[in-house]
Amino acid sequence: MIEGKGLGGKKVNRVGLSLSNRDNAKLNKLATACNMKPTPLAALILTEALNDPKYVDQLQKRFCTQAAYRVMLVKDYKNDDYNYVLSGRDD
């Protein structure tokens, strides 16, 4: 991950993704349909997924092997965002 400064002095973390040709074509078509560029659309999709408790739970059910590292999403109603909290259980 590369850390840098984005617009407005906000800290930006850059993540490189490698998409298959098929997924890249899907992203480009969706970006065109939404009148967006592919990179901001991919960032939006990732943000939406990370803030979707059902999707995060589904991923963890599928891939999480250590219960101690399982995260719980806790809603912060002040800024309408989710915080990630480690469950901390030992199995």
C-alpha atoms as a PDB file:
ATOM      1  CA  MET A   1       0.000   0.000   0.000  1.00  0.00           C
ATOM      2  CA  ILE A   2       1.299   3.440  -0.888  1.00  0.00           C
ATOM      3  CA  GLU A   3       0.308   6.297   1.362  1.00  0.00           C
ATOM      4  CA  GLY A   4       0.064   9.821   0.083  1.00  0.00           C
ATOM      5  CA  LYS A   5      -1.855  13.048   0.197  1.00  0.00           C
ATOM      6  CA  GLY A   6      -5.024  13.421  -1.819  1.00  0.00           C
ATOM      7  CA  LEU A   7      -7.155  16.421  -2.575  1.00  0.00           C
ATOM      8  CA  GLY A   8      -8.150  18.512   0.400  1.00  0.00           C
ATOM      9  CA  GLY A   9      -5.287  17.232   2.552  1.00  0.00           C
ATOM     10  CA  LYS A  10      -7.017  13.892   3.151  1.00  0.00           C
ATOM     11  CA  LYS A  11      -4.766  10.884   3.553  1.00  0.00           C
ATOM     12  CA  VAL A  12      -5.121   8.518   0.610  1.00  0.00           C
ATOM     13  CA  ASN A  13      -4.073   4.875   0.577  1.00  0.00           C
ATOM     14  CA  ARG A  14      -3.497   3.471  -2.865  1.00  0.00           C
ATOM     15  CA  VAL A  15      -4.174  -0.190  -3.572  1.00  0.00           C
ATOM     16  CA  GLY A  16      -3.224  -1.856  -6.834  1.00  0.00           C
ATOM     17  CA  LEU A  17      -5.771  -4.262  -8.306  1.00  0.00           C
ATOM     18  CA  SER A  18      -5.311  -6.807 -11.050  1.00  0.00           C
ATOM     19  CA  LEU A  19      -8.544  -7.536 -12.875  1.00  0.00           C
ATOM     20  CA  SER A  20      -9.189 -10.253 -15.386  1.00  0.00           C
ATOM     21  CA  ASN A  21      -9.989  -9.060 -18.910  1.00  0.00           C
ATOM     22  CA  ARG A  22     -13.604 -10.098 -18.359  1.00  0.00           C
ATOM     23  CA  ASP A  23     -13.970  -8.157 -15.091  1.00  0.00           C
ATOM     24  CA  ASN A  24     -12.215  -5.145 -16.602  1.00  0.00           C
ATOM     25  CA  ALA A  25     -14.683  -5.159 -19.493  1.00  0.00           C
ATOM     26  CA  LYS A  26     -17.592  -5.352 -17.033  1.00  0.00           C
ATOM     27  CA  LEU A  27     -16.169  -2.453 -15.019  1.00  0.00           C
ATOM     28  CA  ASN A  28     -15.691  -0.344 -18.141  1.00  0.00           C
ATOM     29  CA  LYS A  29     -19.232  -1.024 -19.356  1.00  0.00           C
ATOM     30  CA  LEU A  30     -20.716  -0.207 -15.950  1.00  0.00           C
ATOM     31  CA  ALA A  31     -18.585   2.945 -15.728  1.00  0.00           C
ATOM     32  CA  THR A  32     -19.861   4.061 -19.120  1.00  0.00           C
ATOM     33  CA  ALA A  33     -23.452   3.319 -18.111  1.00  0.00           C
ATOM     34  CA  CYS A  34     -22.995   5.328 -14.889  1.00  0.00           C
ATOM     35  CA  ASN A  35     -21.143   8.186 -16.610  1.00  0.00           C
ATOM     36  CA  MET A  36     -18.085   7.595 -14.440  1.00  0.00           C
ATOM     37  CA  LYS A  37     -14.460   6.677 -14.971  1.00  0.00           C
ATOM     38  CA  PRO A  38     -13.536   3.073 -14.084  1.00  0.00           C
ATOM     39  CA  THR A  39     -11.164   3.912 -11.204  1.00  0.00           C
ATOM     40  CA  PRO A  40     -13.592   6.052  -9.155  1.00  0.00           C
ATOM     41  CA  LEU A  41     -16.320   3.478  -9.824  1.00  0.00           C
ATOM     42  CA  ALA A  42     -14.069   0.658  -8.565  1.00  0.00           C
ATOM     43  CA  ALA A  43     -13.323   2.727  -5.435  1.00  0.00           C
ATOM     44  CA  LEU A  44     -17.053   3.316  -4.926  1.00  0.00           C
ATOM     45  CA  ILE A  45     -17.829  -0.401  -5.304  1.00  0.00           C
ATOM     46  CA  LEU A  46     -15.108  -1.267  -2.784  1.00  0.00           C
ATOM     47  CA  THR A  47     -16.343   1.349  -0.302  1.00  0.00           C
ATOM     48  CA  GLU A  48     -19.925   0.106  -0.611  1.00  0.00           C
ATOM     49  CA  ALA A  49     -18.798  -3.508  -0.072  1.00  0.00           C
ATOM     50  CA  LEU A  50     -16.691  -2.632   2.998  1.00  0.00           C
ATOM     51  CA  ASN A  51     -19.662  -0.837   4.547  1.00  0.00           C
ATOM     52  CA  ASP A  52     -22.171  -3.608   3.887  1.00  0.00           C
ATOM     53  CA  PRO A  53     -22.458  -5.824   7.005  1.00  0.00           C
ATOM     54  CA  LYS A  54     -24.117  -8.658   5.077  1.00  0.00           C
ATOM     55  CA  TYR A  55     -21.378  -8.741   2.451  1.00  0.00           C
ATOM     56  CA  VAL A  56     -18.585  -8.575   5.044  1.00  0.00           C
ATOM     57  CA  ASP A  57     -20.219 -11.400   7.003  1.00  0.00           C
ATOM     58  CA  GLN A  58     -20.567 -13.466   3.831  1.00  0.00           C
ATOM     59  CA  LEU A  59     -16.870 -13.000   3.023  1.00  0.00           C
ATOM     60  CA  GLN A  60     -15.852 -13.970   6.535  1.00  0.00           C
ATOM     61  CA  LYS A  61     -18.034 -17.084   6.518  1.00  0.00           C
ATOM     62  CA  ARG A  62     -16.347 -18.091   3.307  1.00  0.00           C
ATOM     63  CA  PHE A  63     -12.716 -17.206   4.017  1.00  0.00           C
ATOM     64  CA  CYS A  64     -12.137 -16.461   7.721  1.00  0.00           C
ATOM     65  CA  THR A  65     -10.152 -19.289   9.319  1.00  0.00           C
ATOM     66  CA  GLN A  66      -9.309 -17.681  12.682  1.00  0.00           C
ATOM     67  CA  ALA A  67     -12.256 -16.598  14.826  1.00  0.00           C
ATOM     68  CA  ALA A  68      -9.975 -14.251  16.791  1.00  0.00           C
ATOM     69  CA  TYR A  69      -9.492 -12.143  13.651  1.00  0.00           C
ATOM     70  CA  ARG A  70     -13.153 -12.017  12.686  1.00  0.00           C
ATOM     71  CA  VAL A  71     -14.402  -8.426  12.528  1.00  0.00           C
ATOM     72  CA  MET A  72     -17.724  -7.034  13.618  1.00  0.00           C
ATOM     73  CA  LEU A  73     -19.138  -3.937  12.004  1.00  0.00           C
ATOM     74  CA  VAL A  74     -20.376  -1.400  14.529  1.00  0.00           C
ATOM     75  CA  LYS A  75     -22.552   1.417  13.210  1.00  0.00           C
ATOM     76  CA  ASP A  76     -21.415   4.942  14.099  1.00  0.00           C
ATOM     77  CA  TYR A  77     -24.589   7.003  13.825  1.00  0.00           C
ATOM     78  CA  LYS A  78     -22.754  10.318  14.214  1.00  0.00           C
ATOM     79  CA  ASN A  79     -21.031  10.069  10.836  1.00  0.00           C
ATOM     80  CA  ASP A  80     -23.179   7.293   9.305  1.00  0.00           C
ATOM     81  CA  ASP A  81     -20.223   4.955   8.921  1.00  0.00           C
ATOM     82  CA  TYR A  82     -19.160   1.541  10.178  1.00  0.00           C
ATOM     83  CA  ASN A  83     -16.223   0.834  12.463  1.00  0.00           C
ATOM     84  CA  TYR A  84     -14.456  -2.508  12.324  1.00  0.00           C
ATOM     85  CA  VAL A  85     -13.897  -4.183  15.694  1.00  0.00           C
ATOM     86  CA  LEU A  86     -12.004  -7.436  16.158  1.00  0.00           C
ATOM     87  CA  SER A  87     -14.117 -10.037  17.907  1.00  0.00           C
ATOM     88  CA  GLY A  88     -11.090 -11.222  19.895  1.00  0.00           C
ATOM     89  CA  ARG A  89     -12.528 -14.665  20.559  1.00  0.00           C
ATOM     90  CA  ASP A  90     -10.142 -17.576  20.946  1.00  0.00           C
ATOM     91  CA  ASP A  91     -11.163 -20.849  19.329  1.00  0.00           C
END
